[in-house]
Amino acid sequence: MTGTDSARIVTASRTIAAPAEQIFALVATPAEQIRIDGNDNLSATDGQQRVSAVGDVFTMELTNGETRENHVVEFEEKRLIAWLPAPVGEQPRGHLWRWELEPLEDGQTKVTHTYDWTRLEDETRYARALATNEDYLQRSLEALERCLSENSSLAH
């Protein structure tokens, strides 16, 4: 990987006190993405209940009013989900969002959130891509942890 490529991959990780199955249920449900979006970029989803395989497509409305179709390109139940966003009816432009879960022996899970724009060729997206930094991804991880905490307190 060249220096340019590594600068186009932003990653953040956090150990969360919840089982991978519970965390994955949140990140694989499009409607929950609004609650865990550290970019404050999402305003609505298509209400699809759950992503379940590579090839699934779910829709999100951005805060700027545009709509994106998200094409799931990586999927392993309880472990991995990644998608490529695209304007409705168009091919993905080359940036990818990924969630990876690594169950730990103590019942916790290491969660890694990645924004990879190594294949982004649409120069109109570069400024936004450059602005998406580790802080945004950390905010998503913090929001994910809050959602899990809220959900577990509601269950009691």
N, C-alpha and C. Protein backbone atom coordinates (compact mmCIF):
# COMPACT_ATOMS: atom_id res chain seq x y z
N MET A 1 0.86 -1.18 0.00
CA MET A 1 0.00 0.00 0.00
C MET A 1 0.90 1.24 0.00
N THR A 2 0.56 2.20 -0.80
CA THR A 2 1.35 3.43 -0.85
C THR A 2 0.95 4.35 0.28
N GLY A 3 1.75 5.36 0.52
CA GLY A 3 1.42 6.35 1.54
C GLY A 3 0.08 7.00 1.28
N THR A 4 -0.21 7.24 0.00
CA THR A 4 -1.48 7.85 -0.36
C THR A 4 -2.64 6.94 0.03
N ASP A 5 -2.49 5.64 -0.25
CA ASP A 5 -3.55 4.70 0.10
C ASP A 5 -3.79 4.66 1.60
N SER A 6 -2.73 4.61 2.40
CA SER A 6 -2.91 4.52 3.84
C SER A 6 -3.56 5.78 4.40
N ALA A 7 -3.33 6.92 3.77
CA ALA A 7 -3.96 8.16 4.22
C ALA A 7 -5.45 8.17 3.89
N ARG A 8 -5.88 7.27 3.03
CA ARG A 8 -7.28 7.20 2.64
C ARG A 8 -8.05 6.11 3.39
N ILE A 9 -7.43 5.53 4.40
CA ILE A 9 -8.11 4.56 5.25
C ILE A 9 -8.08 5.09 6.67
N VAL A 10 -9.25 5.36 7.22
CA VAL A 10 -9.38 5.89 8.57
C VAL A 10 -10.04 4.81 9.42
N THR A 11 -9.42 4.53 10.57
CA THR A 11 -9.91 3.45 11.42
C THR A 11 -9.92 3.90 12.87
N ALA A 12 -10.91 3.41 13.60
CA ALA A 12 -10.97 3.62 15.04
C ALA A 12 -11.48 2.33 15.68
N SER A 13 -10.97 2.02 16.86
CA SER A 13 -11.39 0.81 17.57
C SER A 13 -11.74 1.14 19.01
N ARG A 14 -12.57 0.27 19.58
CA ARG A 14 -12.99 0.44 20.96
C ARG A 14 -13.44 -0.91 21.50
N THR A 15 -13.09 -1.20 22.72
CA THR A 15 -13.59 -2.41 23.37
C THR A 15 -14.89 -2.05 24.08
N ILE A 16 -15.93 -2.80 23.76
CA ILE A 16 -17.26 -2.52 24.29
C ILE A 16 -17.73 -3.72 25.12
N ALA A 17 -18.29 -3.44 26.26
CA ALA A 17 -18.74 -4.48 27.19
C ALA A 17 -20.10 -5.02 26.77
N ALA A 18 -20.09 -5.74 25.66
CA ALA A 18 -21.30 -6.38 25.15
C ALA A 18 -20.87 -7.50 24.20
N PRO A 19 -21.69 -8.53 24.08
CA PRO A 19 -21.34 -9.61 23.16
C PRO A 19 -21.46 -9.17 21.70
N ALA A 20 -20.65 -9.78 20.86
CA ALA A 20 -20.63 -9.43 19.43
C ALA A 20 -22.02 -9.56 18.80
N GLU A 21 -22.78 -10.56 19.19
CA GLU A 21 -24.11 -10.77 18.62
C GLU A 21 -25.01 -9.55 18.85
N GLN A 22 -24.98 -9.01 20.05
CA GLN A 22 -25.80 -7.84 20.39
C GLN A 22 -25.34 -6.60 19.61
N ILE A 23 -24.04 -6.41 19.51
CA ILE A 23 -23.50 -5.26 18.78
C ILE A 23 -23.83 -5.38 17.30
N PHE A 24 -23.64 -6.57 16.75
CA PHE A 24 -23.89 -6.77 15.33
C PHE A 24 -25.35 -6.51 14.98
N ALA A 25 -26.25 -6.86 15.87
CA ALA A 25 -27.67 -6.60 15.63
C ALA A 25 -27.92 -5.12 15.39
N LEU A 26 -27.18 -4.27 16.08
CA LEU A 26 -27.33 -2.82 15.88
C LEU A 26 -26.70 -2.36 14.57
N VAL A 27 -25.45 -2.74 14.32
CA VAL A 27 -24.77 -2.22 13.14
C VAL A 27 -25.32 -2.79 11.84
N ALA A 28 -25.98 -3.94 11.89
CA ALA A 28 -26.54 -4.56 10.69
C ALA A 28 -28.00 -4.16 10.45
N THR A 29 -28.51 -3.26 11.28
CA THR A 29 -29.88 -2.78 11.12
C THR A 29 -29.83 -1.33 10.64
N PRO A 30 -30.19 -1.08 9.39
CA PRO A 30 -30.05 0.27 8.83
C PRO A 30 -30.70 1.37 9.67
N ALA A 31 -31.86 1.11 10.24
CA ALA A 31 -32.54 2.14 11.03
C ALA A 31 -31.70 2.58 12.23
N GLU A 32 -30.85 1.71 12.74
CA GLU A 32 -30.00 2.04 13.89
C GLU A 32 -28.80 2.90 13.50
N GLN A 33 -28.45 2.93 12.22
CA GLN A 33 -27.29 3.70 11.79
C GLN A 33 -27.43 5.18 12.12
N ILE A 34 -28.64 5.70 12.12
CA ILE A 34 -28.86 7.11 12.46
C ILE A 34 -28.40 7.38 13.90
N ARG A 35 -28.69 6.45 14.80
CA ARG A 35 -28.32 6.62 16.21
C ARG A 35 -26.82 6.54 16.45
N ILE A 36 -26.10 5.86 15.56
CA ILE A 36 -24.67 5.65 15.80
C ILE A 36 -23.78 6.37 14.79
N ASP A 37 -24.34 7.28 14.02
CA ASP A 37 -23.58 8.02 13.00
C ASP A 37 -22.79 9.16 13.62
N GLY A 38 -21.49 9.01 13.75
CA GLY A 38 -20.64 10.06 14.31
C GLY A 38 -20.40 11.22 13.38
N ASN A 39 -20.81 11.10 12.13
CA ASN A 39 -20.67 12.18 11.15
C ASN A 39 -21.85 13.14 11.17
N ASP A 40 -22.92 12.78 11.88
CA ASP A 40 -24.17 13.55 11.83
C ASP A 40 -24.59 13.78 10.39
N ASN A 41 -24.52 12.73 9.60
CA ASN A 41 -24.75 12.81 8.17
C ASN A 41 -26.06 12.16 7.75
N LEU A 42 -26.71 11.41 8.64
CA LEU A 42 -27.89 10.64 8.27
C LEU A 42 -29.15 11.21 8.90
N SER A 43 -30.25 11.20 8.11
CA SER A 43 -31.51 11.70 8.66
C SER A 43 -32.62 10.66 8.62
N ALA A 44 -32.53 9.65 7.74
CA ALA A 44 -33.59 8.64 7.64
C ALA A 44 -33.03 7.41 6.92
N THR A 45 -33.71 6.28 7.14
CA THR A 45 -33.37 5.06 6.41
C THR A 45 -34.64 4.49 5.81
N ASP A 46 -34.47 3.47 4.99
CA ASP A 46 -35.62 2.87 4.33
C ASP A 46 -36.41 1.93 5.24
N GLY A 47 -35.98 1.78 6.48
CA GLY A 47 -36.71 0.97 7.43
C GLY A 47 -36.48 -0.52 7.29
N GLN A 48 -35.56 -0.92 6.40
CA GLN A 48 -35.25 -2.34 6.26
C GLN A 48 -34.89 -2.89 7.63
N GLN A 49 -35.44 -4.03 7.96
CA GLN A 49 -35.24 -4.59 9.29
C GLN A 49 -33.81 -4.99 9.57
N ARG A 50 -33.16 -5.69 8.64
CA ARG A 50 -31.85 -6.25 8.95
C ARG A 50 -31.14 -6.63 7.67
N VAL A 51 -29.88 -6.26 7.56
CA VAL A 51 -29.03 -6.71 6.47
C VAL A 51 -28.63 -8.14 6.78
N SER A 52 -28.63 -9.02 5.77
CA SER A 52 -28.33 -10.42 6.06
C SER A 52 -27.34 -11.07 5.10
N ALA A 53 -26.88 -10.34 4.07
CA ALA A 53 -25.97 -10.98 3.12
C ALA A 53 -25.31 -9.96 2.21
N VAL A 54 -24.18 -10.37 1.64
CA VAL A 54 -23.57 -9.59 0.56
C VAL A 54 -24.61 -9.50 -0.55
N GLY A 55 -24.71 -8.34 -1.15
CA GLY A 55 -25.69 -8.12 -2.22
C GLY A 55 -26.92 -7.37 -1.75
N ASP A 56 -27.18 -7.35 -0.43
CA ASP A 56 -28.29 -6.55 0.08
C ASP A 56 -28.03 -5.08 -0.21
N VAL A 57 -29.09 -4.32 -0.42
CA VAL A 57 -28.99 -2.88 -0.64
C VAL A 57 -29.98 -2.22 0.29
N PHE A 58 -29.52 -1.22 1.04
CA PHE A 58 -30.42 -0.45 1.89
C PHE A 58 -30.22 1.03 1.60
N THR A 59 -31.25 1.81 1.84
CA THR A 59 -31.26 3.22 1.48
C THR A 59 -31.21 4.09 2.72
N MET A 60 -30.44 5.18 2.62
CA MET A 60 -30.35 6.17 3.70
C MET A 60 -30.51 7.56 3.09
N GLU A 61 -31.22 8.40 3.81
CA GLU A 61 -31.31 9.80 3.42
C GLU A 61 -30.30 10.60 4.24
N LEU A 62 -29.55 11.44 3.54
CA LEU A 62 -28.55 12.26 4.21
C LEU A 62 -29.18 13.55 4.72
N THR A 63 -28.49 14.20 5.63
CA THR A 63 -29.00 15.46 6.19
C THR A 63 -29.10 16.56 5.13
N ASN A 64 -28.37 16.41 4.02
CA ASN A 64 -28.47 17.41 2.94
C ASN A 64 -29.62 17.12 1.99
N GLY A 65 -30.43 16.07 2.30
CA GLY A 65 -31.60 15.75 1.49
C GLY A 65 -31.33 14.73 0.39
N GLU A 66 -30.08 14.40 0.13
CA GLU A 66 -29.76 13.40 -0.89
C GLU A 66 -30.01 12.00 -0.33
N THR A 67 -30.24 11.06 -1.23
CA THR A 67 -30.47 9.68 -0.84
C THR A 67 -29.34 8.81 -1.39
N ARG A 68 -28.91 7.85 -0.59
CA ARG A 68 -27.85 6.92 -0.98
C ARG A 68 -28.35 5.49 -0.87
N GLU A 69 -28.01 4.70 -1.89
CA GLU A 69 -28.20 3.26 -1.82
C GLU A 69 -26.87 2.68 -1.33
N ASN A 70 -26.94 1.85 -0.32
CA ASN A 70 -25.74 1.25 0.26
C ASN A 70 -25.69 -0.22 -0.13
N HIS A 71 -24.66 -0.58 -0.89
CA HIS A 71 -24.50 -1.92 -1.43
C HIS A 71 -23.58 -2.73 -0.51
N VAL A 72 -24.14 -3.75 0.12
CA VAL A 72 -23.37 -4.57 1.06
C VAL A 72 -22.40 -5.45 0.26
N VAL A 73 -21.09 -5.28 0.55
CA VAL A 73 -20.05 -5.99 -0.19
C VAL A 73 -19.25 -6.96 0.68
N GLU A 74 -19.40 -6.87 1.99
CA GLU A 74 -18.76 -7.79 2.91
C GLU A 74 -19.77 -8.11 4.00
N PHE A 75 -19.88 -9.37 4.36
CA PHE A 75 -20.82 -9.75 5.41
C PHE A 75 -20.42 -11.09 6.01
N GLU A 76 -20.27 -11.10 7.31
CA GLU A 76 -20.10 -12.33 8.07
C GLU A 76 -20.87 -12.12 9.37
N GLU A 77 -21.92 -12.89 9.55
CA GLU A 77 -22.80 -12.73 10.71
C GLU A 77 -21.99 -12.64 12.00
N LYS A 78 -22.34 -11.64 12.82
CA LYS A 78 -21.74 -11.37 14.13
C LYS A 78 -20.29 -10.90 14.06
N ARG A 79 -19.73 -10.70 12.86
CA ARG A 79 -18.32 -10.36 12.75
C ARG A 79 -18.00 -9.17 11.85
N LEU A 80 -18.69 -9.05 10.69
CA LEU A 80 -18.25 -8.10 9.67
C LEU A 80 -19.41 -7.67 8.78
N ILE A 81 -19.46 -6.36 8.54
CA ILE A 81 -20.39 -5.82 7.55
C ILE A 81 -19.73 -4.59 6.94
N ALA A 82 -19.84 -4.47 5.61
CA ALA A 82 -19.29 -3.30 4.92
C ALA A 82 -20.16 -3.01 3.71
N TRP A 83 -20.26 -1.71 3.40
CA TRP A 83 -21.06 -1.31 2.24
C TRP A 83 -20.42 -0.16 1.50
N LEU A 84 -20.80 -0.07 0.22
CA LEU A 84 -20.39 1.01 -0.66
C LEU A 84 -21.60 1.88 -0.95
N PRO A 85 -21.58 3.16 -0.57
CA PRO A 85 -22.71 4.04 -0.87
C PRO A 85 -22.67 4.50 -2.33
N ALA A 86 -23.85 4.79 -2.86
CA ALA A 86 -23.98 5.30 -4.22
C ALA A 86 -25.24 6.15 -4.33
N PRO A 87 -25.21 7.18 -5.18
CA PRO A 87 -26.46 7.88 -5.46
C PRO A 87 -27.47 6.87 -6.04
N VAL A 88 -28.74 7.10 -5.80
CA VAL A 88 -29.79 6.18 -6.25
C VAL A 88 -29.65 5.93 -7.75
N GLY A 89 -29.63 4.64 -8.10
CA GLY A 89 -29.57 4.24 -9.51
C GLY A 89 -28.20 4.31 -10.14
N GLU A 90 -27.18 4.68 -9.35
CA GLU A 90 -25.82 4.78 -9.90
C GLU A 90 -24.92 3.72 -9.27
N GLN A 91 -23.76 3.55 -9.86
CA GLN A 91 -22.76 2.65 -9.30
C GLN A 91 -22.08 3.31 -8.10
N PRO A 92 -21.63 2.52 -7.13
CA PRO A 92 -20.87 3.10 -6.01
C PRO A 92 -19.65 3.86 -6.53
N ARG A 93 -19.30 4.90 -5.79
CA ARG A 93 -18.21 5.78 -6.23
C ARG A 93 -16.85 5.40 -5.66
N GLY A 94 -16.80 4.38 -4.82
CA GLY A 94 -15.51 3.87 -4.39
C GLY A 94 -15.13 4.10 -2.94
N HIS A 95 -16.05 4.59 -2.13
CA HIS A 95 -15.72 4.67 -0.71
C HIS A 95 -16.55 3.66 0.06
N LEU A 96 -15.94 3.13 1.13
CA LEU A 96 -16.51 1.99 1.84
C LEU A 96 -16.57 2.27 3.34
N TRP A 97 -17.67 1.83 3.95
CA TRP A 97 -17.83 1.88 5.41
C TRP A 97 -17.83 0.45 5.92
N ARG A 98 -17.06 0.17 6.97
CA ARG A 98 -16.94 -1.19 7.49
C ARG A 98 -17.02 -1.19 9.02
N TRP A 99 -17.72 -2.22 9.53
CA TRP A 99 -17.74 -2.53 10.96
C TRP A 99 -17.20 -3.93 11.12
N GLU A 100 -16.18 -4.10 11.99
CA GLU A 100 -15.61 -5.41 12.28
C GLU A 100 -15.71 -5.66 13.78
N LEU A 101 -16.13 -6.86 14.15
CA LEU A 101 -16.30 -7.22 15.55
C LEU A 101 -15.42 -8.41 15.88
N GLU A 102 -14.68 -8.28 16.96
CA GLU A 102 -13.82 -9.36 17.42
C GLU A 102 -14.22 -9.71 18.85
N PRO A 103 -14.92 -10.84 19.03
CA PRO A 103 -15.31 -11.25 20.39
C PRO A 103 -14.06 -11.51 21.24
N LEU A 104 -14.10 -11.05 22.47
CA LEU A 104 -13.00 -11.27 23.41
C LEU A 104 -13.42 -12.30 24.44
N GLU A 105 -12.46 -12.92 25.10
CA GLU A 105 -12.75 -14.01 26.04
C GLU A 105 -13.61 -13.59 27.22
N ASP A 106 -13.55 -12.32 27.61
CA ASP A 106 -14.28 -11.87 28.79
C ASP A 106 -15.70 -11.41 28.49
N GLY A 107 -16.22 -11.73 27.30
CA GLY A 107 -17.58 -11.34 26.95
C GLY A 107 -17.67 -9.97 26.32
N GLN A 108 -16.56 -9.25 26.27
CA GLN A 108 -16.53 -7.96 25.60
C GLN A 108 -16.22 -8.18 24.11
N THR A 109 -16.29 -7.08 23.36
CA THR A 109 -16.03 -7.16 21.92
C THR A 109 -15.19 -5.98 21.49
N LYS A 110 -14.15 -6.24 20.74
CA LYS A 110 -13.38 -5.17 20.12
C LYS A 110 -14.11 -4.82 18.82
N VAL A 111 -14.51 -3.55 18.71
CA VAL A 111 -15.23 -3.08 17.54
C VAL A 111 -14.33 -2.12 16.78
N THR A 112 -14.17 -2.37 15.50
CA THR A 112 -13.36 -1.51 14.64
C THR A 112 -14.26 -0.95 13.55
N HIS A 113 -14.23 0.37 13.42
CA HIS A 113 -15.02 1.07 12.41
C HIS A 113 -14.04 1.70 11.43
N THR A 114 -14.27 1.49 10.13
CA THR A 114 -13.34 1.95 9.11
C THR A 114 -14.07 2.72 8.01
N TYR A 115 -13.44 3.79 7.57
CA TYR A 115 -13.86 4.51 6.36
C TYR A 115 -12.69 4.41 5.39
N ASP A 116 -12.91 3.76 4.27
CA ASP A 116 -11.86 3.49 3.29
C ASP A 116 -12.25 4.14 1.96
N TRP A 117 -11.46 5.13 1.56
CA TRP A 117 -11.76 5.79 0.29
C TRP A 117 -10.61 5.65 -0.70
N THR A 118 -9.90 4.52 -0.61
CA THR A 118 -8.78 4.28 -1.52
C THR A 118 -9.23 4.14 -2.97
N ARG A 119 -10.48 3.74 -3.19
CA ARG A 119 -10.97 3.56 -4.56
C ARG A 119 -11.89 4.69 -5.02
N LEU A 120 -11.99 5.74 -4.22
CA LEU A 120 -12.84 6.86 -4.58
C LEU A 120 -12.21 7.65 -5.73
N GLU A 121 -12.94 7.76 -6.81
CA GLU A 121 -12.43 8.49 -7.98
C GLU A 121 -13.22 9.78 -8.24
N ASP A 122 -14.33 9.96 -7.55
CA ASP A 122 -15.16 11.15 -7.72
C ASP A 122 -14.54 12.31 -6.94
N GLU A 123 -13.84 13.18 -7.63
CA GLU A 123 -13.12 14.27 -6.96
C GLU A 123 -14.05 15.22 -6.21
N THR A 124 -15.33 15.26 -6.57
CA THR A 124 -16.26 16.13 -5.84
C THR A 124 -16.48 15.62 -4.42
N ARG A 125 -16.11 14.36 -4.13
CA ARG A 125 -16.28 13.78 -2.81
C ARG A 125 -15.01 13.89 -1.96
N TYR A 126 -13.89 14.33 -2.52
CA TYR A 126 -12.62 14.34 -1.80
C TYR A 126 -12.64 15.20 -0.54
N ALA A 127 -13.20 16.38 -0.61
CA ALA A 127 -13.20 17.25 0.57
C ALA A 127 -13.94 16.59 1.73
N ARG A 128 -15.08 16.00 1.45
CA ARG A 128 -15.86 15.32 2.49
C ARG A 128 -15.09 14.10 3.01
N ALA A 129 -14.47 13.37 2.09
CA ALA A 129 -13.69 12.19 2.49
C ALA A 129 -12.53 12.60 3.40
N LEU A 130 -11.83 13.65 3.03
CA LEU A 130 -10.72 14.13 3.86
C LEU A 130 -11.18 14.58 5.24
N ALA A 131 -12.38 15.11 5.31
CA ALA A 131 -12.92 15.60 6.58
C ALA A 131 -13.36 14.46 7.49
N THR A 132 -13.54 13.27 6.94
CA THR A 132 -13.97 12.12 7.74
C THR A 132 -12.74 11.53 8.40
N ASN A 133 -12.55 11.87 9.67
CA ASN A 133 -11.33 11.48 10.37
C ASN A 133 -11.64 10.51 11.51
N GLU A 134 -10.61 10.13 12.24
CA GLU A 134 -10.76 9.17 13.33
C GLU A 134 -11.72 9.67 14.41
N ASP A 135 -11.77 10.98 14.62
CA ASP A 135 -12.71 11.53 15.62
C ASP A 135 -14.16 11.19 15.28
N TYR A 136 -14.53 11.30 14.00
CA TYR A 136 -15.89 10.95 13.58
C TYR A 136 -16.17 9.47 13.88
N LEU A 137 -15.20 8.62 13.56
CA LEU A 137 -15.39 7.19 13.78
C LEU A 137 -15.46 6.87 15.27
N GLN A 138 -14.63 7.55 16.08
CA GLN A 138 -14.70 7.37 17.53
C GLN A 138 -16.07 7.80 18.07
N ARG A 139 -16.60 8.88 17.53
CA ARG A 139 -17.95 9.33 17.96
C ARG A 139 -18.99 8.26 17.64
N SER A 140 -18.83 7.60 16.49
CA SER A 140 -19.75 6.51 16.15
C SER A 140 -19.62 5.36 17.15
N LEU A 141 -18.40 5.02 17.51
CA LEU A 141 -18.18 3.95 18.49
C LEU A 141 -18.76 4.32 19.85
N GLU A 142 -18.59 5.57 20.26
CA GLU A 142 -19.16 6.04 21.53
C GLU A 142 -20.68 5.99 21.48
N ALA A 143 -21.26 6.41 20.36
CA ALA A 143 -22.72 6.37 20.21
C ALA A 143 -23.23 4.93 20.21
N LEU A 144 -22.48 4.04 19.58
CA LEU A 144 -22.84 2.62 19.59
C LEU A 144 -22.87 2.09 21.01
N GLU A 145 -21.85 2.42 21.78
CA GLU A 145 -21.79 1.97 23.17
C GLU A 145 -22.96 2.54 23.98
N ARG A 146 -23.30 3.81 23.77
CA ARG A 146 -24.46 4.41 24.46
C ARG A 146 -25.74 3.70 24.10
N CYS A 147 -25.93 3.42 22.81
CA CYS A 147 -27.15 2.72 22.37
C CYS A 147 -27.27 1.36 23.02
N LEU A 148 -26.17 0.65 23.09
CA LEU A 148 -26.18 -0.67 23.73
C LEU A 148 -26.52 -0.55 25.21
N SER A 149 -25.98 0.46 25.86
CA SER A 149 -26.26 0.69 27.27
C SER A 149 -27.73 1.05 27.48
N GLU A 150 -28.25 1.92 26.62
CA GLU A 150 -29.67 2.30 26.71
C GLU A 150 -30.56 1.10 26.48
N ASN A 151 -30.24 0.29 25.47
CA ASN A 151 -31.05 -0.89 25.16
C ASN A 151 -31.03 -1.89 26.31
N SER A 152 -29.88 -2.06 26.96
CA SER A 152 -29.82 -3.02 28.06
C SER A 152 -30.55 -2.49 29.29
N SER A 153 -30.52 -1.18 29.51
CA SER A 153 -31.26 -0.63 30.65
C SER A 153 -32.76 -0.68 30.42
N LEU A 154 -33.20 -0.62 29.16
CA LEU A 154 -34.62 -0.74 28.86
C LEU A 154 -35.11 -2.16 29.08
N ALA A 155 -34.21 -3.14 28.93
CA ALA A 155 -34.59 -4.53 29.08
C ALA A 155 -34.78 -4.92 30.55
N HIS A 156 -34.30 -4.10 31.46
CA HIS A 156 -34.41 -4.43 32.90
C HIS A 156 -35.64 -3.83 33.52
